């Protein structure tokens, strides 16, 4: 009788799958924060932190000729995605920083899925400012009254800020006019956010194969019985198997499969509970596939 057996490691499959979940948040959502960085403020720690971490890579010198600087940290491994426009942060020290906790976005905010809608500053026709990302780390208004480009709203001429996908940070840096009565510096007091989270799920698939001659007995002491006519009670020490379970037609049923770390057979690292008991065959191989999502 086998109590423990080894898994054929050559049959183990490990694969990664990316999943997305659409998040709809508001300023009242737990953890969502807005920091207003006002020009001339005595405390400019937020501005300085953003400046060093994302815009000048630690350098205090920034030349206007660097209209397109090196990609930020969230795009450094994706050089083919395009440039991230970073200049306007330095032209306008006033900005609004929106912080999204990682519990909502996972590994990062999916590129091209971010939508910011301001609720407090509609134009004269009742339209709310809507800002989106272009998939390359730049923010632009989809319905601004003042457009600098005749080609597309997502042109670099119309960028109003940046988003750092893997940090959950969105920065509105433009201070100009969105409409005749609303400036970008007026935004980000009451708003909604919509974006897709990005999660990588690693799936481990293990194949557990039971040969016909293995695992045909059970260690469950409830199948034990005393000899006929004996008055002794059934205990863990009872050595005899009840006649019901001694027939050649009897086979155990499998309800749970435990996977252990090699050398440690006290505590299973994985426990797979079958949806219903499966009768062990003593004629053909029995194979179980166990999937674990991490």
C-alpha atoms as a PDB file:
ATOM      1  CA  UNK A   1       0.000   0.000   0.000  1.00  0.00           C
ATOM      2  CA  UNK A   2       1.272   3.461  -0.930  1.00  0.00           C
ATOM      3  CA  UNK A   3       0.765   6.295   1.520  1.00  0.00           C
ATOM      4  CA  UNK A   4       2.803   8.940  -0.318  1.00  0.00           C
ATOM      5  CA  UNK A   5       3.897   9.149  -3.933  1.00  0.00           C
ATOM      6  CA  UNK A   6       5.894  11.511  -6.107  1.00  0.00           C
ATOM      7  CA  UNK A   7       4.397  13.781  -8.749  1.00  0.00           C
ATOM      8  CA  UNK A   8       5.800  13.552 -12.254  1.00  0.00           C
ATOM      9  CA  UNK A   9       7.303  17.039 -12.473  1.00  0.00           C
ATOM     10  CA  UNK A  10       7.575  16.824 -16.262  1.00  0.00           C
ATOM     11  CA  UNK A  11       3.778  16.943 -16.440  1.00  0.00           C
ATOM     12  CA  UNK A  12       3.472  20.084 -14.295  1.00  0.00           C
ATOM     13  CA  UNK A  13       2.235  23.134 -16.228  1.00  0.00           C
ATOM     14  CA  UNK A  14       2.808  26.720 -15.093  1.00  0.00           C
ATOM     15  CA  UNK A  15       1.185  29.526 -17.071  1.00  0.00           C
ATOM     16  CA  UNK A  16       0.414  33.210 -16.587  1.00  0.00           C
ATOM     17  CA  UNK A  17      -2.903  34.836 -17.478  1.00  0.00           C
ATOM     18  CA  UNK A  18      -3.676  38.545 -17.286  1.00  0.00           C
ATOM     19  CA  UNK A  19      -7.068  39.578 -15.944  1.00  0.00           C
ATOM     20  CA  UNK A  20      -8.733  42.987 -15.933  1.00  0.00           C
ATOM     21  CA  UNK A  21     -11.488  44.373 -13.749  1.00  0.00           C
ATOM     22  CA  UNK A  22     -13.203  47.686 -14.405  1.00  0.00           C
ATOM     23  CA  UNK A  23     -13.068  49.926 -11.335  1.00  0.00           C
ATOM     24  CA  UNK A  24     -15.530  52.773 -10.789  1.00  0.00           C
ATOM     25  CA  UNK A  25     -14.342  55.045  -7.983  1.00  0.00           C
ATOM     26  CA  UNK A  26     -15.217  58.432  -6.527  1.00  0.00           C
ATOM     27  CA  UNK A  27     -13.548  60.898  -4.193  1.00  0.00           C
ATOM     28  CA  UNK A  28     -15.362  59.062  -1.373  1.00  0.00           C
ATOM     29  CA  UNK A  29     -13.812  55.678  -2.232  1.00  0.00           C
ATOM     30  CA  UNK A  30     -11.587  54.342   0.530  1.00  0.00           C
ATOM     31  CA  UNK A  31      -7.974  55.348   0.053  1.00  0.00           C
ATOM     32  CA  UNK A  32      -8.477  57.644  -2.951  1.00  0.00           C
ATOM     33  CA  UNK A  33      -6.766  60.977  -2.243  1.00  0.00           C
ATOM     34  CA  UNK A  34      -6.242  64.311  -3.954  1.00  0.00           C
ATOM     35  CA  UNK A  35      -3.353  66.640  -3.202  1.00  0.00           C
ATOM     36  CA  UNK A  36      -3.549  70.212  -4.492  1.00  0.00           C
ATOM     37  CA  UNK A  37      -0.100  71.594  -5.241  1.00  0.00           C
ATOM     38  CA  UNK A  38      -0.485  75.356  -5.259  1.00  0.00           C
ATOM     39  CA  UNK A  39       2.050  77.650  -6.850  1.00  0.00           C
ATOM     40  CA  UNK A  40       3.932  79.668  -4.219  1.00  0.00           C
ATOM     41  CA  UNK A  41       2.920  77.396  -1.366  1.00  0.00           C
ATOM     42  CA  UNK A  42       5.342  77.249   1.560  1.00  0.00           C
ATOM     43  CA  UNK A  43       5.091  73.441   1.613  1.00  0.00           C
ATOM     44  CA  UNK A  44       6.034  72.141  -1.829  1.00  0.00           C
ATOM     45  CA  UNK A  45       7.076  68.635  -0.748  1.00  0.00           C
ATOM     46  CA  UNK A  46       4.628  66.927  -3.090  1.00  0.00           C
ATOM     47  CA  UNK A  47       5.853  68.947  -6.051  1.00  0.00           C
ATOM     48  CA  UNK A  48       9.484  68.226  -5.229  1.00  0.00           C
ATOM     49  CA  UNK A  49       8.832  64.499  -4.778  1.00  0.00           C
ATOM     50  CA  UNK A  50       7.070  64.165  -8.115  1.00  0.00           C
ATOM     51  CA  UNK A  51       9.760  66.272  -9.747  1.00  0.00           C
ATOM     52  CA  UNK A  52      12.582  64.030  -8.560  1.00  0.00           C
ATOM     53  CA  UNK A  53      10.818  60.682  -8.923  1.00  0.00           C
ATOM     54  CA  UNK A  54       9.260  61.053 -12.353  1.00  0.00           C
ATOM     55  CA  UNK A  55      10.227  64.193 -14.208  1.00  0.00           C
ATOM     56  CA  UNK A  56      13.915  64.972 -13.904  1.00  0.00           C
ATOM     57  CA  UNK A  57      15.230  61.617 -12.678  1.00  0.00           C
ATOM     58  CA  UNK A  58      16.890  63.299  -9.725  1.00  0.00           C
ATOM     59  CA  UNK A  59      18.385  66.183 -11.670  1.00  0.00           C
ATOM     60  CA  UNK A  60      17.637  69.750 -10.591  1.00  0.00           C
ATOM     61  CA  UNK A  61      18.352  70.995 -14.112  1.00  0.00           C
ATOM     62  CA  UNK A  62      15.706  70.705 -16.801  1.00  0.00           C
ATOM     63  CA  UNK A  63      16.163  72.152 -20.236  1.00  0.00           C
ATOM     64  CA  UNK A  64      13.246  73.280 -22.368  1.00  0.00           C
ATOM     65  CA  UNK A  65      14.858  71.540 -25.305  1.00  0.00           C
ATOM     66  CA  UNK A  66      13.938  68.206 -23.683  1.00  0.00           C
ATOM     67  CA  UNK A  67      10.347  68.430 -24.829  1.00  0.00           C
ATOM     68  CA  UNK A  68      10.102  64.637 -24.758  1.00  0.00           C
ATOM     69  CA  UNK A  69      12.156  63.339 -21.868  1.00  0.00           C
ATOM     70  CA  UNK A  70      13.034  59.730 -21.191  1.00  0.00           C
ATOM     71  CA  UNK A  71      10.008  57.534 -20.438  1.00  0.00           C
ATOM     72  CA  UNK A  72       8.982  57.377 -16.808  1.00  0.00           C
ATOM     73  CA  UNK A  73       9.420  54.262 -14.712  1.00  0.00           C
ATOM     74  CA  UNK A  74       6.126  52.767 -15.809  1.00  0.00           C
ATOM     75  CA  UNK A  75       7.128  52.789 -19.477  1.00  0.00           C
ATOM     76  CA  UNK A  76      10.831  52.097 -19.305  1.00  0.00           C
ATOM     77  CA  UNK A  77      10.345  48.458 -20.254  1.00  0.00           C
ATOM     78  CA  UNK A  78       7.992  49.340 -23.105  1.00  0.00           C
ATOM     79  CA  UNK A  79      10.036  51.666 -25.333  1.00  0.00           C
ATOM     80  CA  UNK A  80       7.875  50.979 -28.362  1.00  0.00           C
ATOM     81  CA  UNK A  81       4.702  52.322 -26.763  1.00  0.00           C
ATOM     82  CA  UNK A  82       5.640  55.915 -27.488  1.00  0.00           C
ATOM     83  CA  UNK A  83       6.780  58.983 -25.626  1.00  0.00           C
ATOM     84  CA  UNK A  84       5.471  60.369 -22.378  1.00  0.00           C
ATOM     85  CA  UNK A  85       5.184  64.148 -22.507  1.00  0.00           C
ATOM     86  CA  UNK A  86       6.626  65.600 -19.313  1.00  0.00           C
ATOM     87  CA  UNK A  87       7.420  69.257 -20.029  1.00  0.00           C
ATOM     88  CA  UNK A  88       4.278  70.952 -18.738  1.00  0.00           C
ATOM     89  CA  UNK A  89       4.960  69.898 -15.182  1.00  0.00           C
ATOM     90  CA  UNK A  90       7.930  72.255 -15.141  1.00  0.00           C
ATOM     91  CA  UNK A  91       6.143  75.109 -16.824  1.00  0.00           C
ATOM     92  CA  UNK A  92       3.304  75.021 -14.287  1.00  0.00           C
ATOM     93  CA  UNK A  93       4.283  74.355 -10.656  1.00  0.00           C
ATOM     94  CA  UNK A  94       0.600  74.287  -9.682  1.00  0.00           C
ATOM     95  CA  UNK A  95      -0.983  70.861 -10.155  1.00  0.00           C
ATOM     96  CA  UNK A  96      -3.400  68.308  -8.753  1.00  0.00           C
ATOM     97  CA  UNK A  97      -2.159  64.887  -7.664  1.00  0.00           C
ATOM     98  CA  UNK A  98      -4.662  62.006  -7.592  1.00  0.00           C
ATOM     99  CA  UNK A  99      -3.579  58.928  -5.641  1.00  0.00           C
ATOM    100  CA  UNK A 100      -5.241  55.529  -6.244  1.00  0.00           C
ATOM    101  CA  UNK A 101      -4.401  52.678  -3.806  1.00  0.00           C
ATOM    102  CA  UNK A 102      -2.973  49.481  -5.299  1.00  0.00           C
ATOM    103  CA  UNK A 103      -5.898  47.504  -3.878  1.00  0.00           C
ATOM    104  CA  UNK A 104      -7.892  48.835  -6.832  1.00  0.00           C
ATOM    105  CA  UNK A 105      -5.422  48.535  -9.706  1.00  0.00           C
ATOM    106  CA  UNK A 106      -3.318  45.497  -8.741  1.00  0.00           C
ATOM    107  CA  UNK A 107      -0.038  45.570 -10.654  1.00  0.00           C
ATOM    108  CA  UNK A 108      -0.913  48.695 -12.612  1.00  0.00           C
ATOM    109  CA  UNK A 109      -3.694  50.654 -14.253  1.00  0.00           C
ATOM    110  CA  UNK A 110      -4.248  49.227 -17.713  1.00  0.00           C
ATOM    111  CA  UNK A 111      -2.939  51.611 -20.368  1.00  0.00           C
ATOM    112  CA  UNK A 112      -5.661  53.433 -22.279  1.00  0.00           C
ATOM    113  CA  UNK A 113      -8.432  52.675 -19.771  1.00  0.00           C
ATOM    114  CA  UNK A 114      -8.258  55.685 -17.410  1.00  0.00           C
ATOM    115  CA  UNK A 115     -11.133  58.208 -17.389  1.00  0.00           C
ATOM    116  CA  UNK A 116     -11.433  61.138 -14.971  1.00  0.00           C
ATOM    117  CA  UNK A 117     -14.743  63.037 -14.820  1.00  0.00           C
ATOM    118  CA  UNK A 118     -14.968  66.223 -12.768  1.00  0.00           C
ATOM    119  CA  UNK A 119     -18.384  66.737 -11.139  1.00  0.00           C
ATOM    120  CA  UNK A 120     -18.092  70.225  -9.651  1.00  0.00           C
ATOM    121  CA  UNK A 121     -17.190  72.345 -12.655  1.00  0.00           C
ATOM    122  CA  UNK A 122     -19.566  71.942 -15.602  1.00  0.00           C
ATOM    123  CA  UNK A 123     -19.516  74.453 -18.434  1.00  0.00           C
ATOM    124  CA  UNK A 124     -22.445  76.724 -19.250  1.00  0.00           C
ATOM    125  CA  UNK A 125     -24.133  73.868 -21.110  1.00  0.00           C
ATOM    126  CA  UNK A 126     -23.829  71.481 -18.167  1.00  0.00           C
ATOM    127  CA  UNK A 127     -20.990  69.392 -19.634  1.00  0.00           C
ATOM    128  CA  UNK A 128     -18.510  67.981 -17.132  1.00  0.00           C
ATOM    129  CA  UNK A 129     -14.776  67.988 -17.916  1.00  0.00           C
ATOM    130  CA  UNK A 130     -13.628  64.514 -18.985  1.00  0.00           C
ATOM    131  CA  UNK A 131      -9.931  63.619 -19.029  1.00  0.00           C
ATOM    132  CA  UNK A 132      -8.492  60.375 -20.367  1.00  0.00           C
ATOM    133  CA  UNK A 133      -5.092  58.786 -20.882  1.00  0.00           C
ATOM    134  CA  UNK A 134      -3.603  58.105 -24.295  1.00  0.00           C
ATOM    135  CA  UNK A 135      -2.053  54.738 -23.387  1.00  0.00           C
ATOM    136  CA  UNK A 136       1.448  56.239 -23.188  1.00  0.00           C
ATOM    137  CA  UNK A 137       1.237  57.960 -19.819  1.00  0.00           C
ATOM    138  CA  UNK A 138      -0.273  61.275 -20.942  1.00  0.00           C
ATOM    139  CA  UNK A 139      -3.610  62.848 -19.967  1.00  0.00           C
ATOM    140  CA  UNK A 140      -5.781  64.909 -22.301  1.00  0.00           C
ATOM    141  CA  UNK A 141      -9.259  66.406 -22.180  1.00  0.00           C
ATOM    142  CA  UNK A 142     -11.800  64.832 -24.488  1.00  0.00           C
ATOM    143  CA  UNK A 143     -14.180  67.798 -24.467  1.00  0.00           C
ATOM    144  CA  UNK A 144     -12.108  70.916 -23.792  1.00  0.00           C
ATOM    145  CA  UNK A 145     -13.425  74.142 -25.304  1.00  0.00           C
ATOM    146  CA  UNK A 146      -9.912  75.283 -26.142  1.00  0.00           C
ATOM    147  CA  UNK A 147      -7.991  72.923 -28.414  1.00  0.00           C
ATOM    148  CA  UNK A 148      -4.432  73.599 -29.522  1.00  0.00           C
ATOM    149  CA  UNK A 149      -4.500  70.963 -32.232  1.00  0.00           C
ATOM    150  CA  UNK A 150      -6.689  70.645 -35.292  1.00  0.00           C
ATOM    151  CA  UNK A 151      -5.818  66.971 -35.707  1.00  0.00           C
ATOM    152  CA  UNK A 152      -6.904  65.156 -32.565  1.00  0.00           C
ATOM    153  CA  UNK A 153      -7.786  65.806 -28.934  1.00  0.00           C
ATOM    154  CA  UNK A 154      -5.062  63.352 -27.931  1.00  0.00           C
ATOM    155  CA  UNK A 155      -2.376  65.379 -29.679  1.00  0.00           C
ATOM    156  CA  UNK A 156       0.615  66.303 -27.509  1.00  0.00           C
ATOM    157  CA  UNK A 157      -0.412  69.961 -27.865  1.00  0.00           C
ATOM    158  CA  UNK A 158      -3.455  69.180 -25.740  1.00  0.00           C
ATOM    159  CA  UNK A 159      -1.805  67.151 -22.979  1.00  0.00           C
ATOM    160  CA  UNK A 160      -2.874  68.355 -19.542  1.00  0.00           C
ATOM    161  CA  UNK A 161      -0.923  66.005 -17.298  1.00  0.00           C
ATOM    162  CA  UNK A 162       0.499  62.550 -16.789  1.00  0.00           C
ATOM    163  CA  UNK A 163      -0.453  59.194 -15.382  1.00  0.00           C
ATOM    164  CA  UNK A 164       1.995  56.709 -13.882  1.00  0.00           C
ATOM    165  CA  UNK A 165       0.217  53.424 -14.367  1.00  0.00           C
ATOM    166  CA  UNK A 166       2.218  51.191 -12.046  1.00  0.00           C
ATOM    167  CA  UNK A 167       2.132  53.717  -9.185  1.00  0.00           C
ATOM    168  CA  UNK A 168      -1.565  54.630  -9.339  1.00  0.00           C
ATOM    169  CA  UNK A 169      -0.725  58.333  -9.699  1.00  0.00           C
ATOM    170  CA  UNK A 170      -2.436  60.836 -11.994  1.00  0.00           C
ATOM    171  CA  UNK A 171      -1.148  64.426 -12.154  1.00  0.00           C
ATOM    172  CA  UNK A 172      -3.094  67.263 -13.765  1.00  0.00           C
ATOM    173  CA  UNK A 173      -0.430  69.866 -14.522  1.00  0.00           C
ATOM    174  CA  UNK A 174      -2.168  72.240 -16.945  1.00  0.00           C
ATOM    175  CA  UNK A 175      -3.443  75.462 -15.352  1.00  0.00           C
ATOM    176  CA  UNK A 176      -4.971  77.000 -18.448  1.00  0.00           C
ATOM    177  CA  UNK A 177      -8.621  77.206 -19.372  1.00  0.00           C
ATOM    178  CA  UNK A 178     -10.771  74.142 -20.026  1.00  0.00           C
ATOM    179  CA  UNK A 179     -13.695  76.369 -20.867  1.00  0.00           C
ATOM    180  CA  UNK A 180     -14.371  80.058 -20.631  1.00  0.00           C
ATOM    181  CA  UNK A 181     -15.316  79.751 -16.969  1.00  0.00           C
ATOM    182  CA  UNK A 182     -13.398  76.670 -15.800  1.00  0.00           C
ATOM    183  CA  UNK A 183      -9.625  76.270 -15.448  1.00  0.00           C
ATOM    184  CA  UNK A 184      -7.835  72.951 -15.070  1.00  0.00           C
ATOM    185  CA  UNK A 185      -6.622  74.120 -11.668  1.00  0.00           C
ATOM    186  CA  UNK A 186     -10.290  74.170 -10.583  1.00  0.00           C
ATOM    187  CA  UNK A 187     -10.643  70.425 -11.172  1.00  0.00           C
ATOM    188  CA  UNK A 188     -10.044  67.371  -8.959  1.00  0.00           C
ATOM    189  CA  UNK A 189     -12.119  68.358  -5.933  1.00  0.00           C
ATOM    190  CA  UNK A 190     -15.105  66.109  -6.624  1.00  0.00           C
ATOM    191  CA  UNK A 191     -14.794  63.540  -9.395  1.00  0.00           C
ATOM    192  CA  UNK A 192     -15.230  59.968 -10.567  1.00  0.00           C
ATOM    193  CA  UNK A 193     -12.535  57.609 -11.838  1.00  0.00           C
ATOM    194  CA  UNK A 194     -12.947  54.684 -14.186  1.00  0.00           C
ATOM    195  CA  UNK A 195     -10.146  52.341 -15.232  1.00  0.00           C
ATOM    196  CA  UNK A 196      -9.246  48.687 -15.672  1.00  0.00           C
ATOM    197  CA  UNK A 197      -7.057  46.986 -13.114  1.00  0.00           C
ATOM    198  CA  UNK A 198      -4.241  44.691 -14.237  1.00  0.00           C
ATOM    199  CA  UNK A 199      -3.591  41.386 -12.481  1.00  0.00           C
ATOM    200  CA  UNK A 200      -1.363  38.499 -13.529  1.00  0.00           C
ATOM    201  CA  UNK A 201      -2.639  35.164 -12.254  1.00  0.00           C
ATOM    202  CA  UNK A 202      -0.098  32.339 -12.215  1.00  0.00           C
ATOM    203  CA  UNK A 203      -1.722  28.929 -12.577  1.00  0.00           C
ATOM    204  CA  UNK A 204       0.068  25.749 -11.502  1.00  0.00           C
ATOM    205  CA  UNK A 205      -1.394  22.510 -12.855  1.00  0.00           C
ATOM    206  CA  UNK A 206      -0.288  19.256 -11.247  1.00  0.00           C
ATOM    207  CA  UNK A 207      -1.098  15.786 -12.615  1.00  0.00           C
ATOM    208  CA  UNK A 208      -1.577  13.123  -9.959  1.00  0.00           C
ATOM    209  CA  UNK A 209      -1.654   9.651 -11.527  1.00  0.00           C
ATOM    210  CA  UNK A 210      -2.668   6.617  -9.466  1.00  0.00           C
ATOM    211  CA  UNK A 211      -1.646   3.228 -10.820  1.00  0.00           C
ATOM    212  CA  UNK A 212      -4.106   0.303 -10.527  1.00  0.00           C
ATOM    213  CA  UNK A 213      -1.972  -1.485  -7.951  1.00  0.00           C
ATOM    214  CA  UNK A 214      -1.501   1.544  -5.713  1.00  0.00           C
ATOM    215  CA  UNK A 215      -3.741   3.157  -3.070  1.00  0.00           C
ATOM    216  CA  UNK A 216      -6.224   0.276  -2.939  1.00  0.00           C
ATOM    217  CA  UNK A 217      -6.460   0.253   0.855  1.00  0.00           C
ATOM    218  CA  UNK A 218      -7.527   2.839   3.382  1.00  0.00           C
ATOM    219  CA  UNK A 219      -6.085   4.066   6.664  1.00  0.00           C
ATOM    220  CA  UNK A 220      -9.525   5.041   7.951  1.00  0.00           C
ATOM    221  CA  UNK A 221      -9.929   3.086  11.187  1.00  0.00           C
ATOM    222  CA  UNK A 222     -13.732   3.169  10.897  1.00  0.00           C
ATOM    223  CA  UNK A 223     -13.521   0.113   8.611  1.00  0.00           C
ATOM    224  CA  UNK A 224     -12.106  -1.935  11.499  1.00  0.00           C
ATOM    225  CA  UNK A 225     -14.121  -4.297  13.618  1.00  0.00           C
ATOM    226  CA  UNK A 226     -13.633  -6.777  16.410  1.00  0.00           C
ATOM    227  CA  UNK A 227     -13.883 -10.514  15.888  1.00  0.00           C
ATOM    228  CA  UNK A 228     -17.306 -12.070  15.946  1.00  0.00           C
ATOM    229  CA  UNK A 229     -18.427 -12.732  19.494  1.00  0.00           C
ATOM    230  CA  UNK A 230     -15.861 -10.385  21.044  1.00  0.00           C
ATOM    231  CA  UNK A 231     -17.045  -7.817  23.575  1.00  0.00           C
ATOM    232  CA  UNK A 232     -14.042  -5.518  23.067  1.00  0.00           C
ATOM    233  CA  UNK A 233     -14.812  -2.000  21.757  1.00  0.00           C
ATOM    234  CA  UNK A 234     -13.432  -0.764  18.429  1.00  0.00           C
ATOM    235  CA  UNK A 235     -10.389   1.424  19.039  1.00  0.00           C
ATOM    236  CA  UNK A 236      -7.490   2.864  17.048  1.00  0.00           C
ATOM    237  CA  UNK A 237      -5.604  -0.281  18.011  1.00  0.00           C
ATOM    238  CA  UNK A 238      -8.152  -2.713  16.575  1.00  0.00           C
ATOM    239  CA  UNK A 239      -6.294  -4.819  14.003  1.00  0.00           C
ATOM    240  CA  UNK A 240      -9.138  -6.502  12.111  1.00  0.00           C
ATOM    241  CA  UNK A 241     -11.026  -5.212   9.065  1.00  0.00           C
ATOM    242  CA  UNK A 242     -14.770  -5.605   8.922  1.00  0.00           C
ATOM    243  CA  UNK A 243     -15.908  -8.262   6.485  1.00  0.00           C
ATOM    244  CA  UNK A 244     -17.729  -5.647   4.423  1.00  0.00           C
ATOM    245  CA  UNK A 245     -14.398  -4.131   3.466  1.00  0.00           C
ATOM    246  CA  UNK A 246     -12.434  -7.318   2.915  1.00  0.00           C
ATOM    247  CA  UNK A 247     -14.176  -8.387  -0.280  1.00  0.00           C
ATOM    248  CA  UNK A 248     -12.163  -8.334  -3.526  1.00  0.00           C
ATOM    249  CA  UNK A 249     -14.873  -6.082  -4.995  1.00  0.00           C
ATOM    250  CA  UNK A 250     -14.294  -3.365  -2.436  1.00  0.00           C
ATOM    251  CA  UNK A 251     -12.334  -0.280  -3.502  1.00  0.00           C
ATOM    252  CA  UNK A 252     -11.772   2.925  -1.520  1.00  0.00           C
ATOM    253  CA  UNK A 253     -13.295   6.253  -2.530  1.00  0.00           C
ATOM    254  CA  UNK A 254     -11.061   9.303  -2.834  1.00  0.00           C
ATOM    255  CA  UNK A 255     -12.365  12.559  -1.378  1.00  0.00           C
ATOM    256  CA  UNK A 256      -9.214  14.634  -0.762  1.00  0.00           C
ATOM    257  CA  UNK A 257      -5.741  14.868  -2.276  1.00  0.00           C
ATOM    258  CA  UNK A 258      -2.951  16.455  -0.250  1.00  0.00           C
ATOM    259  CA  UNK A 259       0.278  17.704  -1.790  1.00  0.00           C
ATOM    260  CA  UNK A 260       3.291  17.885   0.519  1.00  0.00           C
ATOM    261  CA  UNK A 261       6.691  19.452   0.336  1.00  0.00           C
ATOM    262  CA  UNK A 262       9.385  16.851  -0.164  1.00  0.00           C
ATOM    263  CA  UNK A 263      10.594  15.687   3.239  1.00  0.00           C
ATOM    264  CA  UNK A 264       7.750  17.248   5.208  1.00  0.00           C
ATOM    265  CA  UNK A 265       4.713  14.992   5.358  1.00  0.00           C
ATOM    266  CA  UNK A 266       3.032  16.499   8.396  1.00  0.00           C
ATOM    267  CA  UNK A 267       1.348  19.581   6.919  1.00  0.00           C
ATOM    268  CA  UNK A 268       0.140  19.683   3.297  1.00  0.00           C
ATOM    269  CA  UNK A 269       0.999  22.785   1.269  1.00  0.00           C
ATOM    270  CA  UNK A 270      -1.983  22.189  -1.029  1.00  0.00           C
ATOM    271  CA  UNK A 271      -5.213  20.406  -0.240  1.00  0.00           C
ATOM    272  CA  UNK A 272      -7.598  19.588  -3.075  1.00  0.00           C
ATOM    273  CA  UNK A 273     -11.101  18.551  -2.058  1.00  0.00           C
ATOM    274  CA  UNK A 274     -12.999  16.730  -4.784  1.00  0.00           C
ATOM    275  CA  UNK A 275     -16.570  17.876  -5.548  1.00  0.00           C
ATOM    276  CA  UNK A 276     -17.741  14.292  -5.000  1.00  0.00           C
ATOM    277  CA  UNK A 277     -16.055  11.026  -3.916  1.00  0.00           C
ATOM    278  CA  UNK A 278     -14.318   9.175  -6.757  1.00  0.00           C
ATOM    279  CA  UNK A 279     -13.975   5.399  -6.620  1.00  0.00           C
ATOM    280  CA  UNK A 280     -10.405   4.224  -7.032  1.00  0.00           C
ATOM    281  CA  UNK A 281      -9.959   1.760  -9.896  1.00  0.00           C
ATOM    282  CA  UNK A 282      -7.744  -1.316  -9.599  1.00  0.00           C
ATOM    283  CA  UNK A 283      -7.952  -1.954 -13.350  1.00  0.00           C
ATOM    284  CA  UNK A 284      -6.838   1.268 -15.043  1.00  0.00           C
ATOM    285  CA  UNK A 285      -4.820   4.390 -14.208  1.00  0.00           C
ATOM    286  CA  UNK A 286      -6.686   7.152 -12.415  1.00  0.00           C
ATOM    287  CA  UNK A 287      -5.482  10.714 -13.090  1.00  0.00           C
ATOM    288  CA  UNK A 288      -6.429  13.882 -11.224  1.00  0.00           C
ATOM    289  CA  UNK A 289      -5.581  17.361 -12.472  1.00  0.00           C
ATOM    290  CA  UNK A 290      -5.104  19.904  -9.677  1.00  0.00           C
ATOM    291  CA  UNK A 291      -5.024  23.601 -10.563  1.00  0.00           C
ATOM    292  CA  UNK A 292      -3.801  26.276  -8.190  1.00  0.00           C
ATOM    293  CA  UNK A 293      -4.188  29.994  -8.993  1.00  0.00           C
ATOM    294  CA  UNK A 294      -1.724  32.334  -7.317  1.00  0.00           C
END
